[in-house]
PDB file of N, CA and C in Angstrom:
ATOM      1  N   MET A   1       0.733  -1.264  -0.034  1.00  0.00           N
ATOM      2  CA  MET A   1       0.008   0.028   0.042  1.00  0.00           C
ATOM      3  C   MET A   1       0.889   1.232  -0.041  1.00  0.00           C
ATOM      4  N   ASN A   2       0.502   2.149  -0.741  1.00  0.00           N
ATOM      5  CA  ASN A   2       1.227   3.416  -0.834  1.00  0.00           C
ATOM      6  C   ASN A   2       0.811   4.415   0.314  1.00  0.00           C
ATOM      7  N   SER A   3       1.793   5.187   0.787  1.00  0.00           N
ATOM      8  CA  SER A   3       1.494   6.133   1.888  1.00  0.00           C
ATOM      9  C   SER A   3       0.965   7.440   1.192  1.00  0.00           C
ATOM     10  N   THR A   4       0.481   8.335   1.974  1.00  0.00           N
ATOM     11  CA  THR A   4      -0.026   9.569   1.451  1.00  0.00           C
ATOM     12  C   THR A   4       1.071  10.407   0.901  1.00  0.00           C
ATOM     13  N   LYS A   5       2.175  10.292   1.451  1.00  0.00           N
ATOM     14  CA  LYS A   5       3.492  10.983   0.967  1.00  0.00           C
ATOM     15  C   LYS A   5       3.884  10.486  -0.485  1.00  0.00           C
ATOM     16  N   GLU A   6       3.796   9.043  -0.697  1.00  0.00           N
ATOM     17  CA  GLU A   6       4.238   8.481  -1.797  1.00  0.00           C
ATOM     18  C   GLU A   6       3.200   8.838  -2.921  1.00  0.00           C
ATOM     19  N   ILE A   7       1.972   8.905  -2.668  1.00  0.00           N
ATOM     20  CA  ILE A   7       0.919   9.221  -3.608  1.00  0.00           C
ATOM     21  C   ILE A   7       1.129  10.690  -4.002  1.00  0.00           C
ATOM     22  N   ILE A   8       1.351  11.529  -3.057  1.00  0.00           N
ATOM     23  CA  ILE A   8       1.697  13.086  -3.385  1.00  0.00           C
ATOM     24  C   ILE A   8       2.805  13.091  -4.286  1.00  0.00           C
ATOM     25  N   GLU A   9       3.822  12.326  -4.116  1.00  0.00           N
ATOM     26  CA  GLU A   9       5.012  12.338  -4.854  1.00  0.00           C
ATOM     27  C   GLU A   9       4.836  11.836  -6.482  1.00  0.00           C
ATOM     28  N   GLN A  10       3.984  10.761  -6.364  1.00  0.00           N
ATOM     29  CA  GLN A  10       3.585  10.240  -7.686  1.00  0.00           C
ATOM     30  C   GLN A  10       2.690  11.178  -8.572  1.00  0.00           C
ATOM     31  N   LEU A  11       1.842  11.973  -7.866  1.00  0.00           N
ATOM     32  CA  LEU A  11       1.070  12.926  -8.493  1.00  0.00           C
ATOM     33  C   LEU A  11       1.907  14.167  -9.048  1.00  0.00           C
ATOM     34  N   GLN A  12       2.857  14.495  -8.173  1.00  0.00           N
ATOM     35  CA  GLN A  12       3.668  15.679  -8.511  1.00  0.00           C
ATOM     36  C   GLN A  12       4.666  15.281  -9.681  1.00  0.00           C
ATOM     37  N   LEU A  13       5.101  14.103  -9.747  1.00  0.00           N
ATOM     38  CA  LEU A  13       6.131  13.734 -10.773  1.00  0.00           C
ATOM     39  C   LEU A  13       5.392  13.445 -12.098  1.00  0.00           C
ATOM     40  N   ARG A  14       4.120  12.948 -12.028  1.00  0.00           N
ATOM     41  CA  ARG A  14       3.529  12.526 -13.256  1.00  0.00           C
ATOM     42  C   ARG A  14       2.375  13.628 -13.645  1.00  0.00           C
ATOM     43  N   LYS A  15       2.509  14.762 -13.050  1.00  0.00           N
ATOM     44  CA  LYS A  15       1.517  15.628 -13.136  1.00  0.00           C
ATOM     45  C   LYS A  15       0.883  15.914 -14.575  1.00  0.00           C
ATOM     46  N   SER A  16       1.691  15.964 -15.589  1.00  0.00           N
ATOM     47  CA  SER A  16       1.327  16.227 -16.941  1.00  0.00           C
ATOM     48  C   SER A  16       0.844  15.051 -17.682  1.00  0.00           C
ATOM     49  N   SER A  17       0.951  13.851 -17.044  1.00  0.00           N
ATOM     50  CA  SER A  17       0.619  12.608 -17.938  1.00  0.00           C
ATOM     51  C   SER A  17      -0.171  11.655 -17.130  1.00  0.00           C
ATOM     52  N   LEU A  18      -1.106  12.033 -16.238  1.00  0.00           N
ATOM     53  CA  LEU A  18      -1.947  11.213 -15.583  1.00  0.00           C
ATOM     54  C   LEU A  18      -3.285  11.202 -16.154  1.00  0.00           C
ATOM     55  N   CYS A  19      -3.720   9.872 -16.255  1.00  0.00           N
ATOM     56  CA  CYS A  19      -5.037   9.584 -16.821  1.00  0.00           C
ATOM     57  C   CYS A  19      -6.096   9.587 -15.713  1.00  0.00           C
ATOM     58  N   CYS A  20      -7.371   9.646 -16.158  1.00  0.00           N
ATOM     59  CA  CYS A  20      -8.515   9.605 -15.206  1.00  0.00           C
ATOM     60  C   CYS A  20      -8.441   8.369 -14.234  1.00  0.00           C
ATOM     61  N   GLU A  21      -8.236   7.268 -14.797  1.00  0.00           N
ATOM     62  CA  GLU A  21      -8.275   5.998 -14.090  1.00  0.00           C
ATOM     63  C   GLU A  21      -7.082   5.971 -12.964  1.00  0.00           C
ATOM     64  N   ASP A  22      -5.938   6.497 -13.444  1.00  0.00           N
ATOM     65  CA  ASP A  22      -4.832   6.557 -12.517  1.00  0.00           C
ATOM     66  C   ASP A  22      -5.139   7.412 -11.358  1.00  0.00           C
ATOM     67  N   VAL A  23      -5.683   8.582 -11.423  1.00  0.00           N
ATOM     68  CA  VAL A  23      -5.938   9.463 -10.393  1.00  0.00           C
ATOM     69  C   VAL A  23      -7.090   8.789  -9.523  1.00  0.00           C
ATOM     70  N   LYS A  24      -8.065   8.225 -10.062  1.00  0.00           N
ATOM     71  CA  LYS A  24      -9.241   7.614  -9.332  1.00  0.00           C
ATOM     72  C   LYS A  24      -8.648   6.499  -8.545  1.00  0.00           C
ATOM     73  N   GLN A  25      -7.654   5.620  -9.062  1.00  0.00           N
ATOM     74  CA  GLN A  25      -7.030   4.509  -8.368  1.00  0.00           C
ATOM     75  C   GLN A  25      -6.347   5.095  -7.045  1.00  0.00           C
ATOM     76  N   LEU A  26      -5.542   6.129  -7.245  1.00  0.00           N
ATOM     77  CA  LEU A  26      -4.669   6.664  -6.298  1.00  0.00           C
ATOM     78  C   LEU A  26      -5.481   7.294  -5.247  1.00  0.00           C
ATOM     79  N   LEU A  27      -6.543   7.981  -5.545  1.00  0.00           N
ATOM     80  CA  LEU A  27      -7.509   8.631  -4.518  1.00  0.00           C
ATOM     81  C   LEU A  27      -8.136   7.548  -3.781  1.00  0.00           C
ATOM     82  N   THR A  28      -8.632   6.505  -4.372  1.00  0.00           N
ATOM     83  CA  THR A  28      -9.319   5.280  -3.789  1.00  0.00           C
ATOM     84  C   THR A  28      -8.461   4.584  -2.844  1.00  0.00           C
ATOM     85  N   SER A  29      -7.118   4.496  -3.115  1.00  0.00           N
ATOM     86  CA  SER A  29      -6.261   3.772  -2.264  1.00  0.00           C
ATOM     87  C   SER A  29      -6.102   4.515  -0.991  1.00  0.00           C
ATOM     88  N   LEU A  30      -6.382   5.858  -0.918  1.00  0.00           N
ATOM     89  CA  LEU A  30      -6.262   6.566   0.307  1.00  0.00           C
ATOM     90  C   LEU A  30      -7.664   6.694   1.012  1.00  0.00           C
ATOM     91  N   GLY A  31      -8.545   5.910   0.540  1.00  0.00           N
ATOM     92  CA  GLY A  31      -9.970   5.957   1.206  1.00  0.00           C
ATOM     93  C   GLY A  31     -10.924   6.809   0.642  1.00  0.00           C
ATOM     94  N   PHE A  32     -10.640   7.603  -0.419  1.00  0.00           N
ATOM     95  CA  PHE A  32     -11.580   8.583  -0.998  1.00  0.00           C
ATOM     96  C   PHE A  32     -12.553   7.797  -1.941  1.00  0.00           C
ATOM     97  N   ASP A  33     -13.781   8.239  -1.937  1.00  0.00           N
ATOM     98  CA  ASP A  33     -14.804   7.725  -2.790  1.00  0.00           C
ATOM     99  C   ASP A  33     -14.934   8.648  -3.997  1.00  0.00           C
ATOM    100  N   VAL A  34     -14.655   8.191  -5.210  1.00  0.00           N
ATOM    101  CA  VAL A  34     -14.719   8.920  -6.337  1.00  0.00           C
ATOM    102  C   VAL A  34     -15.922   8.655  -7.297  1.00  0.00           C
ATOM    103  N   ARG A  35     -16.694   9.788  -7.460  1.00  0.00           N
ATOM    104  CA  ARG A  35     -17.942   9.405  -8.138  1.00  0.00           C
ATOM    105  C   ARG A  35     -18.121  10.287  -9.335  1.00  0.00           C
ATOM    106  N   ASP A  36     -19.074   9.979 -10.258  1.00  0.00           N
ATOM    107  CA  ASP A  36     -19.345  10.820 -11.443  1.00  0.00           C
ATOM    108  C   ASP A  36     -20.099  12.127 -10.866  1.00  0.00           C
ATOM    109  N   GLY A  37     -19.764  13.267 -11.550  1.00  0.00           N
ATOM    110  CA  GLY A  37     -20.466  14.476 -11.232  1.00  0.00           C
ATOM    111  C   GLY A  37     -21.648  14.661 -12.150  1.00  0.00           C
ATOM    112  N   LYS A  38     -22.311  15.861 -12.142  1.00  0.00           N
ATOM    113  CA  LYS A  38     -23.429  15.987 -12.961  1.00  0.00           C
ATOM    114  C   LYS A  38     -23.136  16.062 -14.407  1.00  0.00           C
ATOM    115  N   LEU A  39     -21.905  16.696 -14.801  1.00  0.00           N
ATOM    116  CA  LEU A  39     -21.543  16.879 -16.224  1.00  0.00           C
ATOM    117  C   LEU A  39     -20.594  15.687 -16.678  1.00  0.00           C
ATOM    118  N   GLY A  40     -20.648  15.463 -17.876  1.00  0.00           N
ATOM    119  CA  GLY A  40     -19.710  14.399 -18.399  1.00  0.00           C
ATOM    120  C   GLY A  40     -18.311  14.652 -18.169  1.00  0.00           C
ATOM    121  N   GLY A  41     -17.527  13.622 -17.716  1.00  0.00           N
ATOM    122  CA  GLY A  41     -16.197  13.729 -17.380  1.00  0.00           C
ATOM    123  C   GLY A  41     -15.840  14.347 -16.052  1.00  0.00           C
ATOM    124  N   HIS A  42     -16.834  15.041 -15.347  1.00  0.00           N
ATOM    125  CA  HIS A  42     -16.669  15.569 -14.132  1.00  0.00           C
ATOM    126  C   HIS A  42     -16.713  14.547 -13.003  1.00  0.00           C
ATOM    127  N   LYS A  43     -15.647  14.494 -12.072  1.00  0.00           N
ATOM    128  CA  LYS A  43     -15.634  13.541 -10.947  1.00  0.00           C
ATOM    129  C   LYS A  43     -15.568  14.374  -9.663  1.00  0.00           C
ATOM    130  N   ILE A  44     -16.253  13.756  -8.681  1.00  0.00           N
ATOM    131  CA  ILE A  44     -16.183  14.409  -7.306  1.00  0.00           C
ATOM    132  C   ILE A  44     -15.521  13.213  -6.451  1.00  0.00           C
ATOM    133  N   TYR A  45     -14.807  13.807  -5.472  1.00  0.00           N
ATOM    134  CA  TYR A  45     -14.164  12.804  -4.459  1.00  0.00           C
ATOM    135  C   TYR A  45     -14.549  13.330  -3.129  1.00  0.00           C
ATOM    136  N   VAL A  46     -14.856  12.359  -2.201  1.00  0.00           N
ATOM    137  CA  VAL A  46     -15.162  12.575  -0.792  1.00  0.00           C
ATOM    138  C   VAL A  46     -14.571  11.529   0.034  1.00  0.00           C
ATOM    139  N   HIS A  47     -14.474  11.702   1.344  1.00  0.00           N
ATOM    140  CA  HIS A  47     -13.802  10.868   2.166  1.00  0.00           C
ATOM    141  C   HIS A  47     -14.444  10.777   3.540  1.00  0.00           C
ATOM    142  N   GLN A  48     -15.035   9.661   3.932  1.00  0.00           N
ATOM    143  CA  GLN A  48     -15.759   9.351   5.254  1.00  0.00           C
ATOM    144  C   GLN A  48     -14.899   9.754   6.318  1.00  0.00           C
ATOM    145  N   GLY A  49     -13.473   9.422   6.275  1.00  0.00           N
ATOM    146  CA  GLY A  49     -12.755   9.480   7.382  1.00  0.00           C
ATOM    147  C   GLY A  49     -12.037  10.868   7.690  1.00  0.00           C
ATOM    148  N   LEU A  50     -12.543  11.792   6.947  1.00  0.00           N
ATOM    149  CA  LEU A  50     -12.135  13.217   7.076  1.00  0.00           C
ATOM    150  C   LEU A  50     -13.279  14.063   7.257  1.00  0.00           C
ATOM    151  N   PRO A  51     -13.747  14.269   8.529  1.00  0.00           N
ATOM    152  CA  PRO A  51     -14.959  15.036   8.791  1.00  0.00           C
ATOM    153  C   PRO A  51     -14.871  16.523   8.420  1.00  0.00           C
ATOM    154  N   SER A  52     -13.652  17.006   8.366  1.00  0.00           N
ATOM    155  CA  SER A  52     -13.528  18.506   7.995  1.00  0.00           C
ATOM    156  C   SER A  52     -13.423  18.751   6.470  1.00  0.00           C
ATOM    157  N   PHE A  53     -13.199  17.576   5.718  1.00  0.00           N
ATOM    158  CA  PHE A  53     -13.186  17.811   4.269  1.00  0.00           C
ATOM    159  C   PHE A  53     -14.545  17.341   3.692  1.00  0.00           C
ATOM    160  N   HIS A  54     -15.038  18.323   2.791  1.00  0.00           N
ATOM    161  CA  HIS A  54     -16.416  18.162   2.317  1.00  0.00           C
ATOM    162  C   HIS A  54     -16.220  17.427   0.940  1.00  0.00           C
ATOM    163  N   SER A  55     -15.581  18.066  -0.047  1.00  0.00           N
ATOM    164  CA  SER A  55     -15.371  17.306  -1.329  1.00  0.00           C
ATOM    165  C   SER A  55     -14.338  18.107  -2.244  1.00  0.00           C
ATOM    166  N   GLY A  56     -13.981  17.435  -3.166  1.00  0.00           N
ATOM    167  CA  GLY A  56     -13.084  17.967  -4.185  1.00  0.00           C
ATOM    168  C   GLY A  56     -13.649  17.604  -5.552  1.00  0.00           C
ATOM    169  N   SER A  57     -13.066  18.111  -6.623  1.00  0.00           N
ATOM    170  CA  SER A  57     -13.458  17.587  -7.964  1.00  0.00           C
ATOM    171  C   SER A  57     -12.360  17.801  -9.008  1.00  0.00           C
ATOM    172  N   PHE A  58     -12.471  17.169 -10.080  1.00  0.00           N
ATOM    173  CA  PHE A  58     -11.656  17.181 -11.245  1.00  0.00           C
ATOM    174  C   PHE A  58     -12.462  16.685 -12.395  1.00  0.00           C
ATOM    175  N   ASN A  59     -11.801  17.150 -13.650  1.00  0.00           N
ATOM    176  CA  ASN A  59     -12.572  16.926 -14.939  1.00  0.00           C
ATOM    177  C   ASN A  59     -11.695  15.870 -15.738  1.00  0.00           C
ATOM    178  N   CYS A  60     -12.298  14.899 -16.090  1.00  0.00           N
ATOM    179  CA  CYS A  60     -11.469  13.921 -17.001  1.00  0.00           C
ATOM    180  C   CYS A  60     -11.615  14.107 -18.523  1.00  0.00           C
ATOM    181  N   ARG A  61     -12.338  15.223 -18.871  1.00  0.00           N
ATOM    182  CA  ARG A  61     -12.615  15.597 -20.247  1.00  0.00           C
ATOM    183  C   ARG A  61     -13.449  14.336 -20.872  1.00  0.00           C
ATOM    184  N   HIS A  62     -13.186  14.126 -22.248  1.00  0.00           N
ATOM    185  CA  HIS A  62     -13.958  13.197 -22.866  1.00  0.00           C
ATOM    186  C   HIS A  62     -13.198  12.016 -23.484  1.00  0.00           C
ATOM    187  N   GLY A  63     -13.616  10.987 -23.845  1.00  0.00           N
ATOM    188  CA  GLY A  63     -12.834   9.870 -24.469  1.00  0.00           C
ATOM    189  C   GLY A  63     -12.544   8.825 -23.502  1.00  0.00           C
ATOM    190  N   LYS A  64     -11.817   7.844 -23.814  1.00  0.00           N
ATOM    191  CA  LYS A  64     -11.387   6.700 -23.130  1.00  0.00           C
ATOM    192  C   LYS A  64     -10.223   7.017 -22.220  1.00  0.00           C
ATOM    193  N   ASN A  65     -10.371   7.044 -20.889  1.00  0.00           N
ATOM    194  CA  ASN A  65      -9.214   7.288 -19.928  1.00  0.00           C
ATOM    195  C   ASN A  65      -8.405   8.527 -20.370  1.00  0.00           C
ATOM    196  N   PRO A  66      -8.931   9.703 -20.549  1.00  0.00           N
ATOM    197  CA  PRO A  66      -8.190  10.835 -21.063  1.00  0.00           C
ATOM    198  C   PRO A  66      -7.281  11.250 -19.869  1.00  0.00           C
ATOM    199  N   GLU A  67      -6.243  12.203 -20.328  1.00  0.00           N
ATOM    200  CA  GLU A  67      -5.375  12.884 -19.281  1.00  0.00           C
ATOM    201  C   GLU A  67      -6.123  13.893 -18.551  1.00  0.00           C
ATOM    202  N   ILE A  68      -5.751  14.173 -17.475  1.00  0.00           N
ATOM    203  CA  ILE A  68      -6.327  15.212 -16.493  1.00  0.00           C
ATOM    204  C   ILE A  68      -5.350  16.361 -16.606  1.00  0.00           C
ATOM    205  N   LYS A  69      -5.898  17.578 -16.690  1.00  0.00           N
ATOM    206  CA  LYS A  69      -5.218  18.824 -16.820  1.00  0.00           C
ATOM    207  C   LYS A  69      -4.275  18.949 -15.437  1.00  0.00           C
ATOM    208  N   PRO A  70      -3.004  19.368 -15.673  1.00  0.00           N
ATOM    209  CA  PRO A  70      -2.094  19.568 -14.474  1.00  0.00           C
ATOM    210  C   PRO A  70      -2.785  20.442 -13.449  1.00  0.00           C
ATOM    211  N   ALA A  71      -3.593  21.425 -13.695  1.00  0.00           N
ATOM    212  CA  ALA A  71      -4.136  22.176 -12.731  1.00  0.00           C
ATOM    213  C   ALA A  71      -5.010  21.455 -11.642  1.00  0.00           C
ATOM    214  N   TYR A  72      -5.815  20.568 -12.092  1.00  0.00           N
ATOM    215  CA  TYR A  72      -6.570  19.676 -11.265  1.00  0.00           C
ATOM    216  C   TYR A  72      -5.714  18.756 -10.306  1.00  0.00           C
ATOM    217  N   ILE A  73      -4.560  18.336 -11.049  1.00  0.00           N
ATOM    218  CA  ILE A  73      -3.666  17.451 -10.125  1.00  0.00           C
ATOM    219  C   ILE A  73      -3.082  18.384  -8.953  1.00  0.00           C
ATOM    220  N   THR A  74      -2.734  19.576  -9.406  1.00  0.00           N
ATOM    221  CA  THR A  74      -2.238  20.538  -8.341  1.00  0.00           C
ATOM    222  C   THR A  74      -3.135  20.720  -7.280  1.00  0.00           C
ATOM    223  N   LYS A  75      -4.463  20.918  -7.499  1.00  0.00           N
ATOM    224  CA  LYS A  75      -5.534  20.983  -6.459  1.00  0.00           C
ATOM    225  C   LYS A  75      -5.538  19.712  -5.661  1.00  0.00           C
ATOM    226  N   ILE A  76      -5.537  18.523  -6.276  1.00  0.00           N
ATOM    227  CA  ILE A  76      -5.575  17.358  -5.579  1.00  0.00           C
ATOM    228  C   ILE A  76      -4.403  17.311  -4.620  1.00  0.00           C
ATOM    229  N   VAL A  77      -3.220  17.541  -5.022  1.00  0.00           N
ATOM    230  CA  VAL A  77      -2.154  17.515  -4.213  1.00  0.00           C
ATOM    231  C   VAL A  77      -2.291  18.455  -2.993  1.00  0.00           C
ATOM    232  N   GLN A  78      -2.832  19.718  -3.174  1.00  0.00           N
ATOM    233  CA  GLN A  78      -2.941  20.608  -2.112  1.00  0.00           C
ATOM    234  C   GLN A  78      -3.899  19.917  -1.068  1.00  0.00           C
ATOM    235  N   VAL A  79      -4.977  19.362  -1.433  1.00  0.00           N
ATOM    236  CA  VAL A  79      -5.809  18.630  -0.630  1.00  0.00           C
ATOM    237  C   VAL A  79      -5.229  17.618   0.251  1.00  0.00           C
ATOM    238  N   LEU A  80      -4.457  16.683  -0.448  1.00  0.00           N
ATOM    239  CA  LEU A  80      -3.691  15.582   0.101  1.00  0.00           C
ATOM    240  C   LEU A  80      -2.753  16.138   1.174  1.00  0.00           C
ATOM    241  N   LYS A  81      -2.002  17.295   0.804  1.00  0.00           N
ATOM    242  CA  LYS A  81      -0.961  17.847   1.762  1.00  0.00           C
ATOM    243  C   LYS A  81      -1.735  18.451   3.052  1.00  0.00           C
ATOM    244  N   GLN A  82      -2.880  19.097   2.747  1.00  0.00           N
ATOM    245  CA  GLN A  82      -3.696  19.718   3.817  1.00  0.00           C
ATOM    246  C   GLN A  82      -4.040  18.685   4.852  1.00  0.00           C
ATOM    247  N   TYR A  83      -4.452  17.565   4.260  1.00  0.00           N
ATOM    248  CA  TYR A  83      -5.023  16.370   5.191  1.00  0.00           C
ATOM    249  C   TYR A  83      -4.188  15.341   5.270  1.00  0.00           C
ATOM    250  N   LYS A  84      -2.915  15.496   5.109  1.00  0.00           N
ATOM    251  CA  LYS A  84      -1.991  14.449   5.117  1.00  0.00           C
ATOM    252  C   LYS A  84      -1.943  13.630   6.500  1.00  0.00           C
ATOM    253  N   ASN A  85      -1.922  14.309   7.616  1.00  0.00           N
ATOM    254  CA  ASN A  85      -1.913  13.686   8.913  1.00  0.00           C
ATOM    255  C   ASN A  85      -2.994  12.843   9.141  1.00  0.00           C
ATOM    256  N   GLU A  86      -4.293  13.446   8.952  1.00  0.00           N
ATOM    257  CA  GLU A  86      -5.492  12.766   9.004  1.00  0.00           C
ATOM    258  C   GLU A  86      -5.563  11.519   8.142  1.00  0.00           C
ATOM    259  N   LEU A  87      -5.187  11.619   6.878  1.00  0.00           N
ATOM    260  CA  LEU A  87      -5.140  10.466   5.946  1.00  0.00           C
ATOM    261  C   LEU A  87      -4.291   9.422   6.578  1.00  0.00           C
ATOM    262  N   ASP A  88      -3.172   9.667   7.010  1.00  0.00           N
ATOM    263  CA  ASP A  88      -2.097   8.678   7.565  1.00  0.00           C
ATOM    264  C   ASP A  88      -2.778   8.082   8.672  1.00  0.00           C
ATOM    265  N   ASP A  89      -3.567   8.747   9.606  1.00  0.00           N
ATOM    266  CA  ASP A  89      -4.097   8.198  10.689  1.00  0.00           C
ATOM    267  C   ASP A  89      -5.261   7.170  10.240  1.00  0.00           C
ATOM    268  N   TYR A  90      -6.004   7.691   9.320  1.00  0.00           N
ATOM    269  CA  TYR A  90      -7.046   6.845   8.820  1.00  0.00           C
ATOM    270  C   TYR A  90      -6.468   5.495   8.266  1.00  0.00           C
ATOM    271  N   LEU A  91      -5.434   5.609   7.463  1.00  0.00           N
ATOM    272  CA  LEU A  91      -4.942   4.359   6.790  1.00  0.00           C
ATOM    273  C   LEU A  91      -4.365   3.508   7.858  1.00  0.00           C
ATOM    274  N   GLU A  92      -3.774   4.062   8.827  1.00  0.00           N
ATOM    275  CA  GLU A  92      -3.163   3.184   9.978  1.00  0.00           C
ATOM    276  C   GLU A  92      -4.338   2.309  10.692  1.00  0.00           C
ATOM    277  N   LYS A  93      -5.327   3.043  10.954  1.00  0.00           N
ATOM    278  CA  LYS A  93      -6.460   2.467  11.624  1.00  0.00           C
ATOM    279  C   LYS A  93      -7.132   1.422  10.841  1.00  0.00           C
ATOM    280  N   LYS A  94      -7.166   1.693   9.482  1.00  0.00           N
ATOM    281  CA  LYS A  94      -7.749   0.828   8.548  1.00  0.00           C
ATOM    282  C   LYS A  94      -6.938  -0.581   8.326  1.00  0.00           C
ATOM    283  N   ASP A  95      -5.728  -0.389   8.469  1.00  0.00           N
ATOM    284  CA  ASP A  95      -4.859  -1.519   8.199  1.00  0.00           C
ATOM    285  C   ASP A  95      -4.634  -2.321   9.521  1.00  0.00           C
ATOM    286  N   ALA A  96      -4.949  -1.744  10.524  1.00  0.00           N
ATOM    287  CA  ALA A  96      -4.759  -2.449  12.003  1.00  0.00           C
ATOM    288  C   ALA A  96      -5.631  -3.472  12.239  1.00  0.00           C
TER     289      ALA A  96
END
């Protein structure tokens, strides 16, 4: 299993070449629930273990597993950094 720190690093290193499924998988591995938004390609992510976090979103554009714009990856990284300690605690409890 990847730690929050490792996932942040992966996102930062591959910022300009991440596909929708890659990002969904990384977020899911941290306990996020990724759902379809109201518009095509729009994704919303929430986390039950983070009471102070409401939701975030990104856009997958159109087509089969398209790349996500780097600006969305930057926002996701900011969220992960902001909630890193809480995410690490959540993952520790989940694995215990």
